[in-house]
Amino acid sequence: MREFLFITKALSDENRVRALMALTDGELCVCQIIELLALAPSTVSKHMAILHQAGLVQTRKDGRWIYYRLAEEPALPCARTALAMTLECLGKDPRIREDAKRLKGIRKMTRRELCRHYKTC
């Protein structure tokens, strides 16, 4: 039960769900997620840490940059089910679609430019 509650808590915040859905089109630098959500870097880092601890996202570090992607094969069965359900249920949500449009523009910006702007690197 504890794992289930941890996963549902991770999915109980709109910004965490928006960040998770943004990763459906591939890996993102934390600076790109900050730009998309328009939140403080520390807030985004906390949200992403919760998603990571729940097993919904994976990270990799490349120099000063931290990249997030959807967990390819979540370790917990509940995480696999929750991730699949979230992707299926929210794929056509208007807010998620708007985020996807904004993300196309954000992906065109250089990561260095974004990191300098937010002073995250």
C-alpha atoms as a PDB file:
ATOM      1  CA  MET A   1       0.000   0.000   0.000  1.00  0.00           C
ATOM      2  CA  ARG A   2       2.856   2.386   0.798  1.00  0.00           C
ATOM      3  CA  GLU A   3       4.206   2.282  -2.778  1.00  0.00           C
ATOM      4  CA  PHE A   4       0.737   2.926  -4.200  1.00  0.00           C
ATOM      5  CA  LEU A   5       0.267   5.970  -1.969  1.00  0.00           C
ATOM      6  CA  PHE A   6       3.710   7.296  -2.905  1.00  0.00           C
ATOM      7  CA  ILE A   7       2.911   7.023  -6.632  1.00  0.00           C
ATOM      8  CA  THR A   8      -0.537   8.568  -6.312  1.00  0.00           C
ATOM      9  CA  LYS A   9       0.944  11.416  -4.287  1.00  0.00           C
ATOM     10  CA  ALA A  10       3.468  12.012  -7.075  1.00  0.00           C
ATOM     11  CA  LEU A  11       0.598  12.255  -9.564  1.00  0.00           C
ATOM     12  CA  SER A  12      -1.579  14.458  -7.351  1.00  0.00           C
ATOM     13  CA  ASP A  13       0.027  17.740  -8.407  1.00  0.00           C
ATOM     14  CA  GLU A  14      -0.886  19.432 -11.692  1.00  0.00           C
ATOM     15  CA  ASN A  15       2.644  20.695 -12.342  1.00  0.00           C
ATOM     16  CA  ARG A  16       4.155  17.249 -11.790  1.00  0.00           C
ATOM     17  CA  VAL A  17       1.642  15.730 -14.203  1.00  0.00           C
ATOM     18  CA  ARG A  18       2.354  18.464 -16.767  1.00  0.00           C
ATOM     19  CA  ALA A  19       6.099  17.774 -16.464  1.00  0.00           C
ATOM     20  CA  LEU A  20       5.501  14.047 -16.813  1.00  0.00           C
ATOM     21  CA  MET A  21       3.354  14.534 -19.910  1.00  0.00           C
ATOM     22  CA  ALA A  22       5.966  16.862 -21.437  1.00  0.00           C
ATOM     23  CA  LEU A  23       8.403  13.957 -21.387  1.00  0.00           C
ATOM     24  CA  THR A  24       6.240  11.898 -23.756  1.00  0.00           C
ATOM     25  CA  ASP A  25       8.052  13.502 -26.702  1.00  0.00           C
ATOM     26  CA  GLY A  26      11.473  12.685 -25.314  1.00  0.00           C
ATOM     27  CA  GLU A  27      14.090  13.730 -22.856  1.00  0.00           C
ATOM     28  CA  LEU A  28      14.173  17.289 -21.494  1.00  0.00           C
ATOM     29  CA  CYS A  29      16.773  19.330 -19.663  1.00  0.00           C
ATOM     30  CA  VAL A  30      15.574  20.674 -16.326  1.00  0.00           C
ATOM     31  CA  CYS A  31      15.864  24.201 -17.787  1.00  0.00           C
ATOM     32  CA  GLN A  32      13.335  23.312 -20.479  1.00  0.00           C
ATOM     33  CA  ILE A  33      10.910  22.048 -17.847  1.00  0.00           C
ATOM     34  CA  ILE A  34      11.405  25.254 -15.848  1.00  0.00           C
ATOM     35  CA  GLU A  35      10.567  27.312 -18.932  1.00  0.00           C
ATOM     36  CA  LEU A  36       7.478  25.222 -19.702  1.00  0.00           C
ATOM     37  CA  LEU A  37       6.039  25.305 -16.198  1.00  0.00           C
ATOM     38  CA  ALA A  38       7.133  28.888 -15.443  1.00  0.00           C
ATOM     39  CA  LEU A  39       8.152  27.895 -11.931  1.00  0.00           C
ATOM     40  CA  ALA A  40      11.242  28.572  -9.857  1.00  0.00           C
ATOM     41  CA  PRO A  41      14.152  26.199 -10.513  1.00  0.00           C
ATOM     42  CA  SER A  42      14.054  24.887  -6.940  1.00  0.00           C
ATOM     43  CA  THR A  43      10.332  24.137  -7.238  1.00  0.00           C
ATOM     44  CA  VAL A  44      10.803  22.236 -10.495  1.00  0.00           C
ATOM     45  CA  SER A  45      13.729  20.293  -9.036  1.00  0.00           C
ATOM     46  CA  LYS A  46      11.581  19.265  -6.079  1.00  0.00           C
ATOM     47  CA  HIS A  47       8.717  18.177  -8.356  1.00  0.00           C
ATOM     48  CA  MET A  48      11.078  16.165 -10.554  1.00  0.00           C
ATOM     49  CA  ALA A  49      12.682  14.527  -7.509  1.00  0.00           C
ATOM     50  CA  ILE A  50       9.248  13.342  -6.366  1.00  0.00           C
ATOM     51  CA  LEU A  51       8.518  11.888  -9.817  1.00  0.00           C
ATOM     52  CA  HIS A  52      11.944  10.221  -9.838  1.00  0.00           C
ATOM     53  CA  GLN A  53      11.488   8.732  -6.366  1.00  0.00           C
ATOM     54  CA  ALA A  54       8.112   7.343  -7.460  1.00  0.00           C
ATOM     55  CA  GLY A  55       9.869   5.570 -10.333  1.00  0.00           C
ATOM     56  CA  LEU A  56       7.998   7.492 -13.036  1.00  0.00           C
ATOM     57  CA  VAL A  57      11.011   9.286 -14.536  1.00  0.00           C
ATOM     58  CA  GLN A  58      14.697   8.556 -15.003  1.00  0.00           C
ATOM     59  CA  THR A  59      17.587  11.002 -14.976  1.00  0.00           C
ATOM     60  CA  ARG A  60      20.973  11.344 -16.537  1.00  0.00           C
ATOM     61  CA  LYS A  61      23.627  13.946 -15.991  1.00  0.00           C
ATOM     62  CA  ASP A  62      25.745  15.393 -18.777  1.00  0.00           C
ATOM     63  CA  GLY A  63      28.254  17.823 -17.358  1.00  0.00           C
ATOM     64  CA  ARG A  64      26.253  20.517 -15.597  1.00  0.00           C
ATOM     65  CA  TRP A  65      22.957  19.532 -17.201  1.00  0.00           C
ATOM     66  CA  ILE A  66      20.394  17.149 -15.753  1.00  0.00           C
ATOM     67  CA  TYR A  67      18.050  15.459 -18.199  1.00  0.00           C
ATOM     68  CA  TYR A  68      14.761  13.752 -17.431  1.00  0.00           C
ATOM     69  CA  ARG A  69      12.870  11.128 -19.414  1.00  0.00           C
ATOM     70  CA  LEU A  70       9.944   8.824 -18.774  1.00  0.00           C
ATOM     71  CA  ALA A  71      10.931   5.648 -16.995  1.00  0.00           C
ATOM     72  CA  GLU A  72      11.332   3.056 -19.724  1.00  0.00           C
ATOM     73  CA  GLU A  73      10.443   0.166 -17.474  1.00  0.00           C
ATOM     74  CA  PRO A  74       9.292   1.322 -14.031  1.00  0.00           C
ATOM     75  CA  ALA A  75      10.411  -1.141 -11.373  1.00  0.00           C
ATOM     76  CA  LEU A  76       7.134  -1.167  -9.489  1.00  0.00           C
ATOM     77  CA  PRO A  77       4.061  -2.681 -11.147  1.00  0.00           C
ATOM     78  CA  CYS A  78       1.946   0.151  -9.722  1.00  0.00           C
ATOM     79  CA  ALA A  79       4.259   2.716 -11.350  1.00  0.00           C
ATOM     80  CA  ARG A  80       3.934   1.007 -14.742  1.00  0.00           C
ATOM     81  CA  THR A  81       0.148   0.982 -14.470  1.00  0.00           C
ATOM     82  CA  ALA A  82      -0.052   4.567 -13.195  1.00  0.00           C
ATOM     83  CA  LEU A  83       2.242   5.849 -15.942  1.00  0.00           C
ATOM     84  CA  ALA A  84       0.277   4.072 -18.675  1.00  0.00           C
ATOM     85  CA  MET A  85      -3.031   5.338 -17.292  1.00  0.00           C
ATOM     86  CA  THR A  86      -1.777   8.914 -17.016  1.00  0.00           C
ATOM     87  CA  LEU A  87      -0.467   8.941 -20.579  1.00  0.00           C
ATOM     88  CA  GLU A  88      -3.686   7.444 -21.934  1.00  0.00           C
ATOM     89  CA  CYS A  89      -6.114   9.609 -19.963  1.00  0.00           C
ATOM     90  CA  LEU A  90      -4.393  12.954 -20.446  1.00  0.00           C
ATOM     91  CA  GLY A  91      -3.035  12.680 -23.979  1.00  0.00           C
ATOM     92  CA  LYS A  92      -5.831  14.841 -25.372  1.00  0.00           C
ATOM     93  CA  ASP A  93      -6.281  17.199 -22.430  1.00  0.00           C
ATOM     94  CA  PRO A  94      -6.390  20.862 -23.613  1.00  0.00           C
ATOM     95  CA  ARG A  95      -3.742  21.996 -21.111  1.00  0.00           C
ATOM     96  CA  ILE A  96      -1.418  19.176 -22.118  1.00  0.00           C
ATOM     97  CA  ARG A  97      -1.906  19.992 -25.802  1.00  0.00           C
ATOM     98  CA  GLU A  98      -1.099  23.661 -25.122  1.00  0.00           C
ATOM     99  CA  ASP A  99       2.038  22.594 -23.253  1.00  0.00           C
ATOM    100  CA  ALA A 100       3.042  20.431 -26.234  1.00  0.00           C
ATOM    101  CA  LYS A 101       2.750  23.445 -28.549  1.00  0.00           C
ATOM    102  CA  ARG A 102       4.820  25.620 -26.205  1.00  0.00           C
ATOM    103  CA  LEU A 103       7.361  22.863 -25.824  1.00  0.00           C
ATOM    104  CA  LYS A 104       8.062  22.860 -29.557  1.00  0.00           C
ATOM    105  CA  GLY A 105       9.275  26.456 -29.241  1.00  0.00           C
ATOM    106  CA  ILE A 106      11.186  25.728 -26.060  1.00  0.00           C
ATOM    107  CA  ARG A 107      13.003  22.822 -27.730  1.00  0.00           C
ATOM    108  CA  LYS A 108      14.290  25.281 -30.354  1.00  0.00           C
ATOM    109  CA  MET A 109      15.999  27.358 -27.657  1.00  0.00           C
ATOM    110  CA  THR A 110      19.529  26.352 -26.742  1.00  0.00           C
ATOM    111  CA  ARG A 111      19.926  24.662 -23.392  1.00  0.00           C
ATOM    112  CA  ARG A 112      22.830  26.936 -22.557  1.00  0.00           C
ATOM    113  CA  GLU A 113      20.635  29.972 -23.157  1.00  0.00           C
ATOM    114  CA  LEU A 114      17.915  28.605 -20.885  1.00  0.00           C
ATOM    115  CA  CYS A 115      20.376  27.597 -18.174  1.00  0.00           C
ATOM    116  CA  ARG A 116      21.982  31.027 -18.158  1.00  0.00           C
ATOM    117  CA  HIS A 117      18.576  32.682 -17.978  1.00  0.00           C
ATOM    118  CA  TYR A 118      17.520  30.613 -14.972  1.00  0.00           C
ATOM    119  CA  LYS A 119      21.042  30.389 -13.510  1.00  0.00           C
ATOM    120  CA  THR A 120      20.659  26.642 -13.066  1.00  0.00           C
ATOM    121  CA  CYS A 121      24.029  25.666 -14.513  1.00  0.00           C
END
